PDB file of N, CA and C in Angstrom:
ATOM      1  N   UNK A   1     141.666 132.554  92.621  1.00  0.00           N
ATOM      2  CA  UNK A   1     140.999 132.479  91.346  1.00  0.00           C
ATOM      3  C   UNK A   1     141.663 131.389  90.511  1.00  0.00           C
ATOM      4  N   UNK A   2     140.851 130.587  89.873  1.00  0.00           N
ATOM      5  CA  UNK A   2     141.334 129.538  88.978  1.00  0.00           C
ATOM      6  C   UNK A   2     141.408 130.108  87.568  1.00  0.00           C
ATOM      7  N   UNK A   3     142.519 129.859  86.891  1.00  0.00           N
ATOM      8  CA  UNK A   3     142.688 130.353  85.527  1.00  0.00           C
ATOM      9  C   UNK A   3     142.887 129.189  84.572  1.00  0.00           C
ATOM     10  N   UNK A   4     142.321 129.334  83.381  1.00  0.00           N
ATOM     11  CA  UNK A   4     142.553 128.377  82.305  1.00  0.00           C
ATOM     12  C   UNK A   4     143.517 129.040  81.336  1.00  0.00           C
ATOM     13  N   UNK A   5     144.594 128.338  81.003  1.00  0.00           N
ATOM     14  CA  UNK A   5     145.593 128.864  80.090  1.00  0.00           C
ATOM     15  C   UNK A   5     145.767 127.913  78.929  1.00  0.00           C
ATOM     16  N   UNK A   6     146.159 128.451  77.789  1.00  0.00           N
ATOM     17  CA  UNK A   6     146.395 127.629  76.607  1.00  0.00           C
ATOM     18  C   UNK A   6     147.887 127.644  76.297  1.00  0.00           C
ATOM     19  N   UNK A   7     148.477 126.452  76.249  1.00  0.00           N
ATOM     20  CA  UNK A   7     149.889 126.321  75.935  1.00  0.00           C
ATOM     21  C   UNK A   7     150.106 126.447  74.432  1.00  0.00           C
ATOM     22  N   UNK A   8     151.337 126.727  74.004  1.00  0.00           N
ATOM     23  CA  UNK A   8     151.620 126.821  72.568  1.00  0.00           C
ATOM     24  C   UNK A   8     151.220 125.561  71.794  1.00  0.00           C
ATOM     25  N   UNK A   9     151.201 124.414  72.466  1.00  0.00           N
ATOM     26  CA  UNK A   9     150.821 123.156  71.825  1.00  0.00           C
ATOM     27  C   UNK A   9     149.310 123.041  71.621  1.00  0.00           C
ATOM     28  N   UNK A  10     148.552 123.974  72.229  1.00  0.00           N
ATOM     29  CA  UNK A  10     147.101 123.926  72.142  1.00  0.00           C
ATOM     30  C   UNK A  10     146.448 123.295  73.357  1.00  0.00           C
ATOM     31  N   UNK A  11     147.238 122.683  74.217  1.00  0.00           N
ATOM     32  CA  UNK A  11     146.711 122.035  75.422  1.00  0.00           C
ATOM     33  C   UNK A  11     146.246 123.091  76.420  1.00  0.00           C
ATOM     34  N   UNK A  12     145.127 122.822  77.095  1.00  0.00           N
ATOM     35  CA  UNK A  12     144.617 123.717  78.135  1.00  0.00           C
ATOM     36  C   UNK A  12     145.093 123.230  79.501  1.00  0.00           C
ATOM     37  N   UNK A  13     145.466 124.179  80.356  1.00  0.00           N
ATOM     38  CA  UNK A  13     145.874 123.851  81.718  1.00  0.00           C
ATOM     39  C   UNK A  13     145.124 124.762  82.675  1.00  0.00           C
ATOM     40  N   UNK A  14     144.963 124.294  83.918  1.00  0.00           N
ATOM     41  CA  UNK A  14     144.354 125.149  84.940  1.00  0.00           C
ATOM     42  C   UNK A  14     145.389 125.441  86.015  1.00  0.00           C
ATOM     43  N   UNK A  15     145.272 126.607  86.604  1.00  0.00           N
ATOM     44  CA  UNK A  15     146.129 127.005  87.710  1.00  0.00           C
ATOM     45  C   UNK A  15     145.220 127.262  88.899  1.00  0.00           C
ATOM     46  N   UNK A  16     145.526 126.600  90.017  1.00  0.00           N
ATOM     47  CA  UNK A  16     144.713 126.814  91.214  1.00  0.00           C
ATOM     48  C   UNK A  16     145.551 127.550  92.262  1.00  0.00           C
ATOM     49  N   UNK A  17     144.913 128.268  93.153  1.00  0.00           N
ATOM     50  CA  UNK A  17     145.656 129.010  94.176  1.00  0.00           C
ATOM     51  C   UNK A  17     146.507 128.092  95.051  1.00  0.00           C
ATOM     52  N   UNK A  18     147.702 128.559  95.383  1.00  0.00           N
ATOM     53  CA  UNK A  18     148.636 127.792  96.201  1.00  0.00           C
ATOM     54  C   UNK A  18     148.024 127.422  97.550  1.00  0.00           C
ATOM     55  N   UNK A  19     147.273 128.342  98.142  1.00  0.00           N
ATOM     56  CA  UNK A  19     146.668 128.087  99.460  1.00  0.00           C
ATOM     57  C   UNK A  19     145.713 126.898  99.406  1.00  0.00           C
ATOM     58  N   UNK A  20     144.935 126.786  98.333  1.00  0.00           N
ATOM     59  CA  UNK A  20     144.011 125.655  98.187  1.00  0.00           C
ATOM     60  C   UNK A  20     144.792 124.366  97.989  1.00  0.00           C
ATOM     61  N   UNK A  21     145.816 124.406  97.145  1.00  0.00           N
ATOM     62  CA  UNK A  21     146.635 123.213  96.897  1.00  0.00           C
ATOM     63  C   UNK A  21     147.287 122.719  98.180  1.00  0.00           C
ATOM     64  N   UNK A  22     147.828 123.626  98.966  1.00  0.00           N
ATOM     65  CA  UNK A  22     148.471 123.232 100.228  1.00  0.00           C
ATOM     66  C   UNK A  22     147.444 122.684 101.213  1.00  0.00           C
ATOM     67  N   UNK A  23     146.297 123.325 101.314  1.00  0.00           N
ATOM     68  CA  UNK A  23     145.247 122.879 102.230  1.00  0.00           C
ATOM     69  C   UNK A  23     144.765 121.473 101.885  1.00  0.00           C
ATOM     70  N   UNK A  24     144.622 121.191 100.587  1.00  0.00           N
ATOM     71  CA  UNK A  24     144.130 119.893 100.132  1.00  0.00           C
ATOM     72  C   UNK A  24     145.250 118.863  99.964  1.00  0.00           C
ATOM     73  N   UNK A  25     146.490 119.271 100.153  1.00  0.00           N
ATOM     74  CA  UNK A  25     147.621 118.354 100.016  1.00  0.00           C
ATOM     75  C   UNK A  25     147.898 117.972  98.569  1.00  0.00           C
ATOM     76  N   UNK A  26     147.580 118.871  97.642  1.00  0.00           N
ATOM     77  CA  UNK A  26     147.801 118.604  96.224  1.00  0.00           C
ATOM     78  C   UNK A  26     149.232 118.938  95.852  1.00  0.00           C
ATOM     79  N   UNK A  27     149.797 118.149  94.959  1.00  0.00           N
ATOM     80  CA  UNK A  27     151.162 118.361  94.508  1.00  0.00           C
ATOM     81  C   UNK A  27     151.225 118.064  93.014  1.00  0.00           C
ATOM     82  N   UNK A  28     152.308 118.395  92.403  1.00  0.00           N
ATOM     83  CA  UNK A  28     152.488 118.149  90.975  1.00  0.00           C
ATOM     84  C   UNK A  28     152.250 116.673  90.661  1.00  0.00           C
ATOM     85  N   UNK A  29     151.478 116.418  89.635  1.00  0.00           N
ATOM     86  CA  UNK A  29     151.226 115.052  89.205  1.00  0.00           C
ATOM     87  C   UNK A  29     149.943 114.435  89.748  1.00  0.00           C
ATOM     88  N   UNK A  30     149.304 115.078  90.731  1.00  0.00           N
ATOM     89  CA  UNK A  30     148.047 114.559  91.262  1.00  0.00           C
ATOM     90  C   UNK A  30     146.973 114.688  90.185  1.00  0.00           C
ATOM     91  N   UNK A  31     146.190 113.639  90.006  1.00  0.00           N
ATOM     92  CA  UNK A  31     145.136 113.653  88.994  1.00  0.00           C
ATOM     93  C   UNK A  31     143.826 114.142  89.594  1.00  0.00           C
ATOM     94  N   UNK A  32     143.165 115.027  88.850  1.00  0.00           N
ATOM     95  CA  UNK A  32     141.875 115.560  89.258  1.00  0.00           C
ATOM     96  C   UNK A  32     140.848 115.172  88.210  1.00  0.00           C
ATOM     97  N   UNK A  33     139.648 114.849  88.657  1.00  0.00           N
ATOM     98  CA  UNK A  33     138.572 114.480  87.731  1.00  0.00           C
ATOM     99  C   UNK A  33     137.407 115.457  87.921  1.00  0.00           C
ATOM    100  N   UNK A  34     136.989 116.072  86.824  1.00  0.00           N
ATOM    101  CA  UNK A  34     135.847 116.972  86.852  1.00  0.00           C
ATOM    102  C   UNK A  34     134.597 116.191  86.498  1.00  0.00           C
ATOM    103  N   UNK A  35     133.546 116.391  87.276  1.00  0.00           N
ATOM    104  CA  UNK A  35     132.269 115.734  87.013  1.00  0.00           C
ATOM    105  C   UNK A  35     131.188 116.794  86.906  1.00  0.00           C
ATOM    106  N   UNK A  36     130.332 116.658  85.912  1.00  0.00           N
ATOM    107  CA  UNK A  36     129.242 117.613  85.703  1.00  0.00           C
ATOM    108  C   UNK A  36     128.209 117.458  86.809  1.00  0.00           C
ATOM    109  N   UNK A  37     127.728 118.575  87.309  1.00  0.00           N
ATOM    110  CA  UNK A  37     126.722 118.619  88.365  1.00  0.00           C
ATOM    111  C   UNK A  37     125.677 119.642  87.931  1.00  0.00           C
ATOM    112  N   UNK A  38     124.421 119.465  88.299  1.00  0.00           N
ATOM    113  CA  UNK A  38     123.394 120.430  87.882  1.00  0.00           C
ATOM    114  C   UNK A  38     123.731 121.890  88.212  1.00  0.00           C
ATOM    115  N   UNK A  39     124.496 122.119  89.267  1.00  0.00           N
ATOM    116  CA  UNK A  39     124.845 123.490  89.658  1.00  0.00           C
ATOM    117  C   UNK A  39     126.263 123.875  89.247  1.00  0.00           C
ATOM    118  N   UNK A  40     126.908 123.071  88.421  1.00  0.00           N
ATOM    119  CA  UNK A  40     128.268 123.401  87.985  1.00  0.00           C
ATOM    120  C   UNK A  40     129.103 122.144  87.824  1.00  0.00           C
ATOM    121  N   UNK A  41     130.263 122.121  88.475  1.00  0.00           N
ATOM    122  CA  UNK A  41     131.168 120.984  88.399  1.00  0.00           C
ATOM    123  C   UNK A  41     131.582 120.537  89.784  1.00  0.00           C
ATOM    124  N   UNK A  42     131.849 119.252  89.925  1.00  0.00           N
ATOM    125  CA  UNK A  42     132.447 118.696  91.134  1.00  0.00           C
ATOM    126  C   UNK A  42     133.868 118.295  90.773  1.00  0.00           C
ATOM    127  N   UNK A  43     134.773 118.453  91.687  1.00  0.00           N
ATOM    128  CA  UNK A  43     136.160 118.104  91.458  1.00  0.00           C
ATOM    129  C   UNK A  43     136.533 116.970  92.407  1.00  0.00           C
ATOM    130  N   UNK A  44     136.982 115.867  91.835  1.00  0.00           N
ATOM    131  CA  UNK A  44     137.382 114.711  92.636  1.00  0.00           C
ATOM    132  C   UNK A  44     138.887 114.509  92.492  1.00  0.00           C
ATOM    133  N   UNK A  45     139.559 114.357  93.622  1.00  0.00           N
ATOM    134  CA  UNK A  45     141.007 114.142  93.620  1.00  0.00           C
ATOM    135  C   UNK A  45     141.272 112.655  93.522  1.00  0.00           C
ATOM    136  N   UNK A  46     142.039 112.274  92.507  1.00  0.00           N
ATOM    137  CA  UNK A  46     142.465 110.887  92.329  1.00  0.00           C
ATOM    138  C   UNK A  46     143.929 110.800  92.759  1.00  0.00           C
ATOM    139  N   UNK A  47     144.201 110.140  93.840  1.00  0.00           N
ATOM    140  CA  UNK A  47     145.573 110.098  94.372  1.00  0.00           C
ATOM    141  C   UNK A  47     146.373 108.992  93.779  1.00  0.00           C
TER     142      UNK A  47
END
């Protein structure tokens, strides 16, 4: 499950499951871009 959290500074962050991050080779600092799609959102990994 992906969670959206609000930091004390007001910034929003998302937390993704570790299994998905490991499968996709995601690590701290990797940039993700959300794009609007008629059925929801697409997530693009910017390496």
